[in-house]
């Protein structure tokens, strides 16, 4: 609704709101954690929930409090309901994980800067994993990639919701730069050809993966 507070999501009680600050790849500092705790205490926010998107949802505030909370947090809005790219999920990759084969946080950070909040036909999510175990849930995100020693494998059209779909592998052995370039082609084609509110999983089912690959590769 147009009169709803900035970046706020109306809750079940139809009276209170939740907000989701933007925390790229789930990385937060002690200062951010301490400030969130201080803001929650100051404004008596009853619930802080770690979401599946590697973010923190602050839940249960009155609408007149929302903007003041945003000001005190000093964080950007994490898209949660709009028709856009909502977030990039990522595992630790080679930063700390002994199984990491590629720098998942580095690639995810670049994708986050380019795509998060970009308008799309439907909500869209990205998952990046540093190895084939896919802890970044790459196969069930709209756009995903996982690392092998030979490079990145790219996946498109996954979904983990009520109509789950394992995404299709569309390219292998790519560099990080090639993944970013391919992501741009994938999202450009999807944005130009999908129906409104048609998730990538349903889009691929409708047009066929071979037609999609022909257009973006």
Foldseek 3Di string as FASTA:
>chain_A
DVPFAPQWDQDPVNFWTKFWFDDAQLDDDPVLVVLVVVLCVVQVQPDWDQDPQSTIMGIDHGRVCVVVSCVSNVTHGQDDAAQFERHEHEDCAPVDDPQFQDRQSVLRVVCRVPGGPHHALAYFYEFEYRAPVRPSVQQAGQWYWYADNLGIWIWHQAHDDPPGDGTDTLDDSDHSVVSVLLVVQLRVVRRVDPHRNQRRNNVCVVPPPVVSSVRRD
